[in-house]
Amino acid sequence: MLNRRSKNPVTPPQRGMFTVDTRSLGRQPGATREEARTVPAPDSLHAGLSGIPAGAGVEVAVRLEAVTEGVLATGTVAAPVTGECARCLDPLASSVEASFQELYRYAARPAEDDEDSPVLDGSLLDLEQVVRDALVLALPLSPLCSDDCPGLCAQCGVRLAETGPGHRHDDGVHPGWEALRHYDGFDRQDDQTGRRASAGDRQEG
């Protein structure tokens, strides 16, 4: 009796949240397909005072088109943004939208080629890096809670939006240094008294 060798099952490629299967395009130039999905935001999407919370819903809409060299991915991405106002440092929440386009090649180019285009993993296309780059570049470095935010008082740090236009420091002294100013006045007065006393002693001598 012949022993039959059992064949090990082929493990399919790992598919992440940003991975898209392009088999339906069939490598036929001109074939297209559209797909939309919401995926959790990856970590470390920050720029300046704003960022996208890890795990927040990222809306991705992509159009895949088969071309001679590979698959051209063109799409848009939108995500919620949190951060601090660059003027008053109050927390803020908004959203960001960005567009992207990337060519995923069927095979890697020769080593001497300067182009660094991503390569398809079989029929799978991973959008994570291109989505990450598009979102980070679209994040505001210095977000504002409002375009007319007056910011903070340079002397006492209070929010000028709460105090109103009449807020000011006439003498230009920070309130925290007020006591020291009085001590300095006493020192000068004592010093001047001492100088007058010394001058009087010299005259009598």
N, C-alpha and C. Protein backbone atom coordinates (compact mmCIF):
# COMPACT_ATOMS: atom_id res chain seq x y z
N MET A 1 0.85 -1.19 0.00
CA MET A 1 0.00 0.00 0.00
C MET A 1 0.89 1.24 0.00
N LEU A 2 0.55 2.16 -0.83
CA LEU A 2 1.32 3.39 -0.92
C LEU A 2 0.87 4.37 0.16
N ASN A 3 1.87 4.98 0.80
CA ASN A 3 1.57 6.02 1.78
C ASN A 3 1.43 7.36 1.08
N ARG A 4 0.33 8.02 1.34
CA ARG A 4 0.11 9.34 0.77
C ARG A 4 0.61 10.42 1.73
N ARG A 5 1.39 11.31 1.14
CA ARG A 5 1.86 12.43 1.96
C ARG A 5 0.76 13.46 2.11
N SER A 6 0.54 13.87 3.33
CA SER A 6 -0.46 14.91 3.56
C SER A 6 0.14 16.26 3.19
N LYS A 7 -0.60 17.03 2.44
CA LYS A 7 -0.13 18.34 2.02
C LYS A 7 -0.45 19.39 3.07
N ASN A 8 0.55 20.20 3.40
CA ASN A 8 0.31 21.28 4.35
C ASN A 8 -0.53 22.36 3.70
N PRO A 9 -1.56 22.83 4.39
CA PRO A 9 -2.39 23.90 3.80
C PRO A 9 -1.58 25.18 3.63
N VAL A 10 -1.86 25.88 2.56
CA VAL A 10 -1.16 27.12 2.29
C VAL A 10 -1.75 28.22 3.17
N THR A 11 -0.88 28.88 3.92
CA THR A 11 -1.34 29.96 4.80
C THR A 11 -1.52 31.23 3.98
N PRO A 12 -2.72 31.81 3.98
CA PRO A 12 -2.93 33.03 3.20
C PRO A 12 -2.16 34.19 3.81
N PRO A 13 -1.83 35.20 3.02
CA PRO A 13 -1.12 36.35 3.55
C PRO A 13 -1.95 37.04 4.63
N GLN A 14 -1.26 37.61 5.63
CA GLN A 14 -1.93 38.32 6.71
C GLN A 14 -2.59 39.58 6.18
N ARG A 15 -3.81 39.82 6.59
CA ARG A 15 -4.54 40.99 6.13
C ARG A 15 -4.79 41.92 7.31
N GLY A 16 -4.27 43.14 7.24
CA GLY A 16 -4.50 44.12 8.27
C GLY A 16 -5.71 44.97 7.93
N MET A 17 -6.00 45.90 8.82
CA MET A 17 -7.15 46.77 8.64
C MET A 17 -7.03 47.63 7.38
N PHE A 18 -5.79 47.97 6.99
CA PHE A 18 -5.57 48.83 5.84
C PHE A 18 -5.24 48.03 4.57
N THR A 19 -5.37 46.72 4.63
CA THR A 19 -5.01 45.89 3.49
C THR A 19 -6.21 45.68 2.56
N VAL A 20 -5.96 45.79 1.26
CA VAL A 20 -7.00 45.63 0.25
C VAL A 20 -6.57 44.54 -0.72
N ASP A 21 -7.48 43.65 -1.06
CA ASP A 21 -7.19 42.59 -2.02
C ASP A 21 -7.52 43.09 -3.43
N THR A 22 -6.55 42.97 -4.34
CA THR A 22 -6.72 43.49 -5.71
C THR A 22 -6.97 42.40 -6.74
N ARG A 23 -7.28 41.20 -6.30
CA ARG A 23 -7.44 40.10 -7.26
C ARG A 23 -8.55 40.36 -8.27
N SER A 24 -9.57 41.08 -7.86
CA SER A 24 -10.70 41.32 -8.77
C SER A 24 -10.31 42.17 -9.97
N LEU A 25 -9.18 42.89 -9.88
CA LEU A 25 -8.73 43.70 -11.02
C LEU A 25 -8.12 42.83 -12.12
N GLY A 26 -7.59 41.68 -11.74
CA GLY A 26 -7.07 40.73 -12.73
C GLY A 26 -5.87 41.22 -13.53
N ARG A 27 -5.18 42.22 -13.05
CA ARG A 27 -4.02 42.78 -13.76
C ARG A 27 -4.35 43.21 -15.18
N GLN A 28 -5.56 43.63 -15.37
CA GLN A 28 -5.99 44.11 -16.68
C GLN A 28 -5.95 45.63 -16.67
N PRO A 29 -5.01 46.26 -17.39
CA PRO A 29 -4.92 47.72 -17.39
C PRO A 29 -6.26 48.36 -17.72
N GLY A 30 -6.65 49.32 -16.89
CA GLY A 30 -7.92 49.99 -17.07
C GLY A 30 -9.01 49.49 -16.15
N ALA A 31 -8.83 48.31 -15.57
CA ALA A 31 -9.83 47.78 -14.64
C ALA A 31 -9.82 48.61 -13.36
N THR A 32 -10.99 48.91 -12.84
CA THR A 32 -11.08 49.74 -11.64
C THR A 32 -12.00 49.11 -10.60
N ARG A 33 -11.83 49.58 -9.38
CA ARG A 33 -12.67 49.13 -8.28
C ARG A 33 -12.61 50.17 -7.18
N GLU A 34 -13.72 50.41 -6.51
CA GLU A 34 -13.78 51.39 -5.42
C GLU A 34 -14.16 50.69 -4.13
N GLU A 35 -13.60 51.20 -3.05
CA GLU A 35 -13.87 50.60 -1.75
C GLU A 35 -13.83 51.68 -0.68
N ALA A 36 -14.68 51.56 0.33
CA ALA A 36 -14.71 52.48 1.46
C ALA A 36 -14.82 51.67 2.74
N ARG A 37 -14.09 52.10 3.75
CA ARG A 37 -14.14 51.42 5.04
C ARG A 37 -13.72 52.38 6.15
N THR A 38 -14.09 52.05 7.37
CA THR A 38 -13.66 52.80 8.55
C THR A 38 -12.76 51.90 9.39
N VAL A 39 -11.57 52.37 9.68
CA VAL A 39 -10.58 51.57 10.39
C VAL A 39 -10.06 52.35 11.60
N PRO A 40 -9.56 51.67 12.64
CA PRO A 40 -9.02 52.37 13.80
C PRO A 40 -7.68 53.04 13.46
N ALA A 41 -7.50 54.24 13.97
CA ALA A 41 -6.27 54.98 13.70
C ALA A 41 -5.07 54.31 14.36
N PRO A 42 -3.95 54.20 13.65
CA PRO A 42 -2.73 53.66 14.26
C PRO A 42 -2.14 54.64 15.25
N ASP A 43 -1.14 54.21 15.99
CA ASP A 43 -0.48 55.07 16.98
C ASP A 43 0.39 56.12 16.30
N SER A 44 0.75 57.13 17.12
CA SER A 44 1.75 58.14 16.75
C SER A 44 1.37 58.97 15.53
N LEU A 45 0.12 59.40 15.46
CA LEU A 45 -0.29 60.32 14.41
C LEU A 45 -0.38 61.71 15.03
N HIS A 46 0.77 62.38 15.14
CA HIS A 46 0.84 63.69 15.78
C HIS A 46 1.70 64.64 14.95
N ALA A 47 1.38 65.93 15.08
CA ALA A 47 2.18 66.98 14.44
C ALA A 47 1.96 68.27 15.23
N GLY A 48 3.02 68.80 15.82
CA GLY A 48 2.89 70.02 16.59
C GLY A 48 1.99 69.83 17.79
N LEU A 49 0.94 70.66 17.91
CA LEU A 49 0.03 70.63 19.04
C LEU A 49 -1.25 69.83 18.76
N SER A 50 -1.30 69.10 17.68
CA SER A 50 -2.50 68.35 17.35
C SER A 50 -2.15 66.90 17.00
N GLY A 51 -3.17 66.05 17.08
CA GLY A 51 -2.94 64.65 16.75
C GLY A 51 -4.26 63.91 16.61
N ILE A 52 -4.18 62.70 16.12
CA ILE A 52 -5.35 61.83 15.95
C ILE A 52 -5.29 60.76 17.03
N PRO A 53 -6.29 60.66 17.89
CA PRO A 53 -6.25 59.67 18.97
C PRO A 53 -6.13 58.25 18.41
N ALA A 54 -5.26 57.46 19.03
CA ALA A 54 -5.10 56.07 18.61
C ALA A 54 -6.42 55.33 18.78
N GLY A 55 -6.81 54.59 17.75
CA GLY A 55 -8.05 53.84 17.79
C GLY A 55 -9.27 54.59 17.30
N ALA A 56 -9.13 55.90 17.07
CA ALA A 56 -10.27 56.67 16.57
C ALA A 56 -10.63 56.20 15.15
N GLY A 57 -11.87 56.39 14.77
CA GLY A 57 -12.31 55.94 13.46
C GLY A 57 -11.74 56.77 12.32
N VAL A 58 -11.05 56.13 11.41
CA VAL A 58 -10.49 56.79 10.22
C VAL A 58 -11.27 56.31 9.00
N GLU A 59 -11.89 57.23 8.30
CA GLU A 59 -12.68 56.89 7.12
C GLU A 59 -11.80 56.92 5.87
N VAL A 60 -11.72 55.81 5.19
CA VAL A 60 -10.87 55.68 4.00
C VAL A 60 -11.76 55.33 2.80
N ALA A 61 -11.62 56.10 1.74
CA ALA A 61 -12.30 55.81 0.47
C ALA A 61 -11.23 55.77 -0.62
N VAL A 62 -11.13 54.66 -1.32
CA VAL A 62 -10.05 54.48 -2.29
C VAL A 62 -10.58 53.94 -3.61
N ARG A 63 -9.97 54.41 -4.69
CA ARG A 63 -10.26 53.91 -6.04
C ARG A 63 -9.01 53.20 -6.54
N LEU A 64 -9.14 51.94 -6.87
CA LEU A 64 -8.03 51.13 -7.35
C LEU A 64 -8.13 51.00 -8.87
N GLU A 65 -7.03 51.24 -9.54
CA GLU A 65 -6.99 51.13 -11.00
C GLU A 65 -5.76 50.33 -11.42
N ALA A 66 -5.98 49.28 -12.17
CA ALA A 66 -4.88 48.47 -12.68
C ALA A 66 -4.21 49.21 -13.84
N VAL A 67 -2.89 49.34 -13.74
CA VAL A 67 -2.09 49.93 -14.82
C VAL A 67 -1.00 48.95 -15.19
N THR A 68 -0.20 49.32 -16.17
CA THR A 68 0.82 48.38 -16.66
C THR A 68 1.80 47.99 -15.57
N GLU A 69 2.24 48.95 -14.75
CA GLU A 69 3.27 48.68 -13.74
C GLU A 69 2.73 48.08 -12.46
N GLY A 70 1.42 48.26 -12.19
CA GLY A 70 0.88 47.78 -10.93
C GLY A 70 -0.54 48.28 -10.72
N VAL A 71 -0.83 48.69 -9.49
CA VAL A 71 -2.16 49.17 -9.13
C VAL A 71 -2.01 50.59 -8.59
N LEU A 72 -2.76 51.52 -9.17
CA LEU A 72 -2.76 52.91 -8.73
C LEU A 72 -3.89 53.12 -7.73
N ALA A 73 -3.54 53.53 -6.51
CA ALA A 73 -4.53 53.77 -5.46
C ALA A 73 -4.71 55.27 -5.28
N THR A 74 -5.92 55.76 -5.48
CA THR A 74 -6.24 57.17 -5.32
C THR A 74 -7.41 57.28 -4.36
N GLY A 75 -7.27 58.11 -3.33
CA GLY A 75 -8.37 58.16 -2.37
C GLY A 75 -8.33 59.34 -1.45
N THR A 76 -9.26 59.32 -0.50
CA THR A 76 -9.35 60.35 0.53
C THR A 76 -9.43 59.68 1.89
N VAL A 77 -9.06 60.44 2.91
CA VAL A 77 -9.08 59.92 4.28
C VAL A 77 -9.52 61.05 5.20
N ALA A 78 -10.32 60.71 6.22
CA ALA A 78 -10.81 61.70 7.18
C ALA A 78 -10.73 61.10 8.58
N ALA A 79 -10.40 61.95 9.56
CA ALA A 79 -10.25 61.46 10.93
C ALA A 79 -10.48 62.60 11.92
N PRO A 80 -10.87 62.28 13.15
CA PRO A 80 -11.02 63.31 14.18
C PRO A 80 -9.65 63.77 14.70
N VAL A 81 -9.59 65.00 15.15
CA VAL A 81 -8.33 65.59 15.64
C VAL A 81 -8.56 66.19 17.02
N THR A 82 -7.62 65.99 17.92
CA THR A 82 -7.63 66.65 19.22
C THR A 82 -6.31 67.37 19.41
N GLY A 83 -6.30 68.36 20.30
CA GLY A 83 -5.06 69.10 20.53
C GLY A 83 -5.28 70.27 21.46
N GLU A 84 -4.37 71.25 21.38
CA GLU A 84 -4.42 72.45 22.20
C GLU A 84 -4.34 73.68 21.31
N CYS A 85 -5.07 74.71 21.68
CA CYS A 85 -4.97 75.98 20.95
C CYS A 85 -3.57 76.55 21.13
N ALA A 86 -2.97 76.98 20.05
CA ALA A 86 -1.60 77.50 20.10
C ALA A 86 -1.51 78.84 20.82
N ARG A 87 -2.63 79.51 21.04
CA ARG A 87 -2.61 80.83 21.69
C ARG A 87 -3.03 80.77 23.16
N CYS A 88 -4.15 80.09 23.43
CA CYS A 88 -4.65 80.07 24.81
C CYS A 88 -4.47 78.73 25.50
N LEU A 89 -4.00 77.70 24.77
CA LEU A 89 -3.71 76.37 25.29
C LEU A 89 -4.96 75.61 25.74
N ASP A 90 -6.14 76.07 25.36
CA ASP A 90 -7.36 75.34 25.68
C ASP A 90 -7.45 74.08 24.81
N PRO A 91 -8.02 72.99 25.34
CA PRO A 91 -8.20 71.79 24.51
C PRO A 91 -9.19 72.07 23.38
N LEU A 92 -8.97 71.44 22.27
CA LEU A 92 -9.87 71.61 21.13
C LEU A 92 -10.07 70.28 20.41
N ALA A 93 -11.14 70.21 19.66
CA ALA A 93 -11.46 69.02 18.87
C ALA A 93 -11.97 69.46 17.51
N SER A 94 -11.49 68.80 16.47
CA SER A 94 -11.92 69.12 15.11
C SER A 94 -11.75 67.86 14.26
N SER A 95 -11.63 68.03 12.97
CA SER A 95 -11.42 66.89 12.08
C SER A 95 -10.48 67.31 10.95
N VAL A 96 -9.93 66.34 10.28
CA VAL A 96 -9.00 66.61 9.19
C VAL A 96 -9.33 65.70 8.02
N GLU A 97 -9.16 66.22 6.82
CA GLU A 97 -9.34 65.43 5.60
C GLU A 97 -8.10 65.57 4.73
N ALA A 98 -7.76 64.53 4.03
CA ALA A 98 -6.59 64.56 3.15
C ALA A 98 -6.82 63.61 1.98
N SER A 99 -6.07 63.83 0.92
CA SER A 99 -6.14 62.96 -0.25
C SER A 99 -4.78 62.31 -0.46
N PHE A 100 -4.76 61.20 -1.16
CA PHE A 100 -3.51 60.50 -1.42
C PHE A 100 -3.58 59.80 -2.76
N GLN A 101 -2.41 59.49 -3.30
CA GLN A 101 -2.27 58.70 -4.52
C GLN A 101 -0.93 57.98 -4.48
N GLU A 102 -0.97 56.70 -4.71
CA GLU A 102 0.25 55.90 -4.64
C GLU A 102 0.17 54.76 -5.65
N LEU A 103 1.29 54.49 -6.31
CA LEU A 103 1.38 53.37 -7.25
C LEU A 103 2.04 52.20 -6.54
N TYR A 104 1.34 51.08 -6.50
CA TYR A 104 1.86 49.84 -5.93
C TYR A 104 2.27 48.94 -7.09
N ARG A 105 3.55 48.67 -7.19
CA ARG A 105 4.09 47.93 -8.33
C ARG A 105 3.91 46.42 -8.14
N TYR A 106 3.82 45.73 -9.28
CA TYR A 106 3.73 44.28 -9.25
C TYR A 106 5.04 43.66 -8.79
N ALA A 107 6.14 44.29 -9.14
CA ALA A 107 7.46 43.77 -8.77
C ALA A 107 8.38 44.94 -8.44
N ALA A 108 9.38 44.68 -7.60
CA ALA A 108 10.32 45.72 -7.19
C ALA A 108 11.17 46.16 -8.37
N ARG A 109 11.52 47.42 -8.38
CA ARG A 109 12.40 47.96 -9.41
C ARG A 109 13.85 47.54 -9.11
N PRO A 110 14.76 47.64 -10.10
CA PRO A 110 16.17 47.36 -9.84
C PRO A 110 16.73 48.25 -8.74
N ALA A 111 17.77 47.77 -8.07
CA ALA A 111 18.32 48.48 -6.92
C ALA A 111 18.80 49.87 -7.28
N GLU A 112 19.25 50.07 -8.53
CA GLU A 112 19.78 51.38 -8.90
C GLU A 112 18.69 52.40 -9.16
N ASP A 113 17.44 51.95 -9.19
CA ASP A 113 16.34 52.89 -9.42
C ASP A 113 16.11 53.72 -8.16
N ASP A 114 16.04 55.03 -8.32
CA ASP A 114 15.86 55.91 -7.17
C ASP A 114 14.44 55.90 -6.64
N GLU A 115 13.47 55.49 -7.45
CA GLU A 115 12.09 55.51 -7.00
C GLU A 115 11.88 54.48 -5.91
N ASP A 116 11.08 54.87 -4.92
CA ASP A 116 10.82 53.98 -3.79
C ASP A 116 9.33 53.69 -3.69
N SER A 117 8.77 53.11 -4.72
CA SER A 117 7.35 52.79 -4.74
C SER A 117 7.11 51.48 -3.99
N PRO A 118 6.00 51.39 -3.25
CA PRO A 118 5.69 50.14 -2.56
C PRO A 118 5.36 49.03 -3.56
N VAL A 119 5.49 47.80 -3.11
CA VAL A 119 5.27 46.64 -3.97
C VAL A 119 4.11 45.82 -3.41
N LEU A 120 3.28 45.30 -4.30
CA LEU A 120 2.17 44.45 -3.89
C LEU A 120 2.69 43.17 -3.23
N ASP A 121 2.00 42.72 -2.19
CA ASP A 121 2.31 41.44 -1.56
C ASP A 121 1.37 40.40 -2.15
N GLY A 122 1.79 39.83 -3.27
CA GLY A 122 0.89 38.96 -4.01
C GLY A 122 -0.21 39.81 -4.62
N SER A 123 -1.43 39.63 -4.14
CA SER A 123 -2.54 40.46 -4.62
C SER A 123 -2.95 41.50 -3.58
N LEU A 124 -2.23 41.55 -2.46
CA LEU A 124 -2.61 42.43 -1.37
C LEU A 124 -1.88 43.78 -1.44
N LEU A 125 -2.60 44.80 -1.09
CA LEU A 125 -2.10 46.18 -1.13
C LEU A 125 -2.33 46.78 0.25
N ASP A 126 -1.27 47.30 0.88
CA ASP A 126 -1.36 47.85 2.23
C ASP A 126 -1.37 49.37 2.17
N LEU A 127 -2.46 49.97 2.61
CA LEU A 127 -2.62 51.43 2.55
C LEU A 127 -2.14 52.15 3.82
N GLU A 128 -1.72 51.43 4.82
CA GLU A 128 -1.45 52.08 6.11
C GLU A 128 -0.42 53.20 6.02
N GLN A 129 0.71 52.97 5.37
CA GLN A 129 1.75 53.99 5.34
C GLN A 129 1.33 55.23 4.55
N VAL A 130 0.67 55.03 3.42
CA VAL A 130 0.26 56.18 2.62
C VAL A 130 -0.84 56.97 3.34
N VAL A 131 -1.73 56.27 4.05
CA VAL A 131 -2.76 56.97 4.84
C VAL A 131 -2.12 57.72 6.00
N ARG A 132 -1.19 57.08 6.67
CA ARG A 132 -0.49 57.72 7.78
C ARG A 132 0.21 59.00 7.32
N ASP A 133 0.94 58.93 6.21
CA ASP A 133 1.65 60.10 5.69
C ASP A 133 0.69 61.23 5.33
N ALA A 134 -0.43 60.88 4.69
CA ALA A 134 -1.39 61.90 4.27
C ALA A 134 -2.00 62.61 5.47
N LEU A 135 -2.33 61.86 6.52
CA LEU A 135 -2.94 62.46 7.70
C LEU A 135 -1.96 63.35 8.46
N VAL A 136 -0.75 62.88 8.67
CA VAL A 136 0.23 63.67 9.43
C VAL A 136 0.55 64.97 8.71
N LEU A 137 0.68 64.92 7.39
CA LEU A 137 0.97 66.15 6.63
C LEU A 137 -0.20 67.13 6.67
N ALA A 138 -1.41 66.62 6.87
CA ALA A 138 -2.59 67.50 6.88
C ALA A 138 -2.88 68.08 8.26
N LEU A 139 -2.26 67.54 9.31
CA LEU A 139 -2.52 68.03 10.66
C LEU A 139 -1.99 69.45 10.84
N PRO A 140 -2.74 70.33 11.50
CA PRO A 140 -2.24 71.69 11.76
C PRO A 140 -1.17 71.69 12.84
N LEU A 141 -0.06 72.35 12.58
CA LEU A 141 1.01 72.42 13.57
C LEU A 141 0.64 73.33 14.73
N SER A 142 -0.08 74.42 14.45
CA SER A 142 -0.48 75.39 15.47
C SER A 142 -1.98 75.63 15.37
N PRO A 143 -2.80 74.70 15.84
CA PRO A 143 -4.25 74.87 15.73
C PRO A 143 -4.76 75.99 16.62
N LEU A 144 -5.88 76.57 16.25
CA LEU A 144 -6.50 77.65 17.02
C LEU A 144 -7.93 77.27 17.37
N CYS A 145 -8.36 77.66 18.58
CA CYS A 145 -9.75 77.41 18.96
C CYS A 145 -10.67 78.32 18.16
N SER A 146 -10.18 79.48 17.75
CA SER A 146 -10.90 80.38 16.86
C SER A 146 -9.89 81.31 16.21
N ASP A 147 -10.22 81.80 15.03
CA ASP A 147 -9.27 82.65 14.31
C ASP A 147 -8.95 83.93 15.07
N ASP A 148 -9.89 84.43 15.89
CA ASP A 148 -9.67 85.68 16.62
C ASP A 148 -9.31 85.45 18.09
N CYS A 149 -8.84 84.26 18.43
CA CYS A 149 -8.44 83.98 19.82
C CYS A 149 -7.36 84.96 20.25
N PRO A 150 -7.57 85.73 21.34
CA PRO A 150 -6.57 86.71 21.76
C PRO A 150 -5.41 86.11 22.53
N GLY A 151 -5.53 84.85 22.95
CA GLY A 151 -4.43 84.18 23.64
C GLY A 151 -4.41 84.48 25.13
N LEU A 152 -3.20 84.47 25.70
CA LEU A 152 -3.00 84.67 27.14
C LEU A 152 -2.31 85.99 27.40
N CYS A 153 -2.56 86.55 28.58
CA CYS A 153 -1.84 87.77 28.99
C CYS A 153 -0.37 87.42 29.17
N ALA A 154 0.50 88.21 28.57
CA ALA A 154 1.94 87.93 28.64
C ALA A 154 2.50 88.11 30.04
N GLN A 155 1.78 88.83 30.93
CA GLN A 155 2.30 89.12 32.26
C GLN A 155 1.75 88.19 33.33
N CYS A 156 0.43 87.92 33.30
CA CYS A 156 -0.15 87.10 34.36
C CYS A 156 -0.67 85.76 33.86
N GLY A 157 -0.77 85.55 32.53
CA GLY A 157 -1.16 84.27 31.98
C GLY A 157 -2.64 84.01 31.93
N VAL A 158 -3.48 84.98 32.28
CA VAL A 158 -4.93 84.78 32.24
C VAL A 158 -5.40 84.78 30.79
N ARG A 159 -6.51 84.05 30.54
CA ARG A 159 -7.07 84.01 29.19
C ARG A 159 -7.72 85.35 28.88
N LEU A 160 -7.25 86.02 27.84
CA LEU A 160 -7.76 87.34 27.49
C LEU A 160 -9.20 87.29 27.00
N ALA A 161 -9.64 86.14 26.49
CA ALA A 161 -11.02 86.03 26.04
C ALA A 161 -11.99 86.11 27.21
N GLU A 162 -11.53 85.76 28.42
CA GLU A 162 -12.38 85.81 29.61
C GLU A 162 -12.33 87.17 30.30
N THR A 163 -11.20 87.84 30.25
CA THR A 163 -11.06 89.11 30.97
C THR A 163 -11.60 90.29 30.18
N GLY A 164 -11.61 90.19 28.86
CA GLY A 164 -12.08 91.30 28.04
C GLY A 164 -10.97 92.25 27.66
N PRO A 165 -11.27 93.22 26.80
CA PRO A 165 -10.24 94.14 26.30
C PRO A 165 -9.69 95.09 27.35
N GLY A 166 -10.37 95.22 28.50
CA GLY A 166 -9.89 96.16 29.52
C GLY A 166 -8.79 95.62 30.40
N HIS A 167 -8.44 94.37 30.23
CA HIS A 167 -7.40 93.78 31.09
C HIS A 167 -6.04 94.39 30.77
N ARG A 168 -5.35 94.86 31.83
CA ARG A 168 -4.02 95.45 31.64
C ARG A 168 -3.30 95.53 32.97
N HIS A 169 -2.01 95.78 32.89
CA HIS A 169 -1.15 96.00 34.06
C HIS A 169 -0.48 97.35 33.85
N ASP A 170 -0.98 98.37 34.57
CA ASP A 170 -0.49 99.73 34.33
C ASP A 170 0.99 99.89 34.59
N ASP A 171 1.48 99.28 35.70
CA ASP A 171 2.88 99.48 36.06
C ASP A 171 3.79 98.45 35.41
N GLY A 172 3.19 97.51 34.70
CA GLY A 172 4.01 96.51 34.02
C GLY A 172 4.66 95.51 34.95
N VAL A 173 4.17 95.38 36.22
CA VAL A 173 4.76 94.47 37.18
C VAL A 173 3.85 93.27 37.35
N HIS A 174 4.41 92.08 37.26
CA HIS A 174 3.63 90.86 37.47
C HIS A 174 3.12 90.85 38.91
N PRO A 175 1.84 90.49 39.13
CA PRO A 175 1.30 90.49 40.49
C PRO A 175 2.13 89.66 41.47
N GLY A 176 2.73 88.60 41.00
CA GLY A 176 3.53 87.77 41.90
C GLY A 176 4.78 88.44 42.42
N TRP A 177 5.22 89.52 41.75
CA TRP A 177 6.43 90.23 42.17
C TRP A 177 6.12 91.51 42.94
N GLU A 178 4.84 91.73 43.22
CA GLU A 178 4.44 92.98 43.87
C GLU A 178 5.13 93.17 45.21
N ALA A 179 5.19 92.10 46.03
CA ALA A 179 5.79 92.22 47.36
C ALA A 179 7.28 92.57 47.25
N LEU A 180 7.95 91.97 46.28
CA LEU A 180 9.38 92.25 46.13
C LEU A 180 9.63 93.70 45.74
N ARG A 181 8.70 94.27 45.00
CA ARG A 181 8.87 95.67 44.62
C ARG A 181 8.87 96.57 45.85
N HIS A 182 8.02 96.26 46.85
CA HIS A 182 7.98 97.05 48.07
C HIS A 182 9.27 96.89 48.86
N TYR A 183 9.76 95.66 48.92
CA TYR A 183 11.02 95.44 49.63
C TYR A 183 12.15 96.23 48.98
N ASP A 184 12.14 96.26 47.65
CA ASP A 184 13.17 96.99 46.94
C ASP A 184 13.07 98.48 47.25
N GLY A 185 11.85 99.01 47.43
CA GLY A 185 11.68 100.41 47.76
C GLY A 185 12.23 100.73 49.13
N PHE A 186 11.98 99.81 50.09
CA PHE A 186 12.52 100.03 51.43
C PHE A 186 14.05 100.02 51.40
N ASP A 187 14.61 99.12 50.62
CA ASP A 187 16.06 99.05 50.54
C ASP A 187 16.64 100.35 50.01
N ARG A 188 16.00 100.88 48.94
CA ARG A 188 16.52 102.12 48.38
C ARG A 188 16.39 103.27 49.37
N GLN A 189 15.24 103.28 50.13
CA GLN A 189 15.05 104.35 51.10
C GLN A 189 16.08 104.27 52.20
N ASP A 190 16.32 103.07 52.70
CA ASP A 190 17.33 102.90 53.75
C ASP A 190 18.70 103.29 53.24
N ASP A 191 18.98 102.92 51.99
CA ASP A 191 20.28 103.23 51.42
C ASP A 191 20.47 104.74 51.30
N GLN A 192 19.40 105.43 50.86
CA GLN A 192 19.50 106.88 50.72
C GLN A 192 19.66 107.54 52.08
N THR A 193 18.95 107.05 53.12
CA THR A 193 19.08 107.60 54.47
C THR A 193 20.49 107.43 54.98
N GLY A 194 21.05 106.24 54.71
CA GLY A 194 22.41 105.99 55.15
C GLY A 194 23.41 106.90 54.47
N ARG A 195 23.20 107.16 53.17
CA ARG A 195 24.11 108.05 52.46
C ARG A 195 24.05 109.46 53.02
N ARG A 196 22.83 109.97 53.33
CA ARG A 196 22.70 111.33 53.88
C ARG A 196 23.36 111.42 55.24
N ALA A 197 23.23 110.34 56.04
CA ALA A 197 23.85 110.35 57.36
C ALA A 197 25.37 110.38 57.25
N SER A 198 25.92 109.65 56.31
CA SER A 198 27.37 109.62 56.13
C SER A 198 27.88 110.97 55.67
N ALA A 199 27.14 111.61 54.77
CA ALA A 199 27.56 112.92 54.28
C ALA A 199 27.54 113.94 55.41
N GLY A 200 26.52 113.85 56.33
CA GLY A 200 26.46 114.79 57.44
C GLY A 200 27.62 114.59 58.40
N ASP A 201 28.03 113.36 58.62
CA ASP A 201 29.17 113.08 59.52
C ASP A 201 30.44 113.68 58.94
N ARG A 202 30.61 113.56 57.61
CA ARG A 202 31.82 114.12 57.03
C ARG A 202 31.86 115.63 57.16
N GLN A 203 30.70 116.29 57.01
CA GLN A 203 30.68 117.74 57.12
C GLN A 203 31.01 118.20 58.55
N GLU A 204 30.49 117.48 59.55
CA GLU A 204 30.78 117.85 60.92
C GLU A 204 32.25 117.64 61.24
N GLY A 205 32.86 116.63 60.62
CA GLY A 205 34.27 116.37 60.88
C GLY A 205 35.11 117.42 60.26
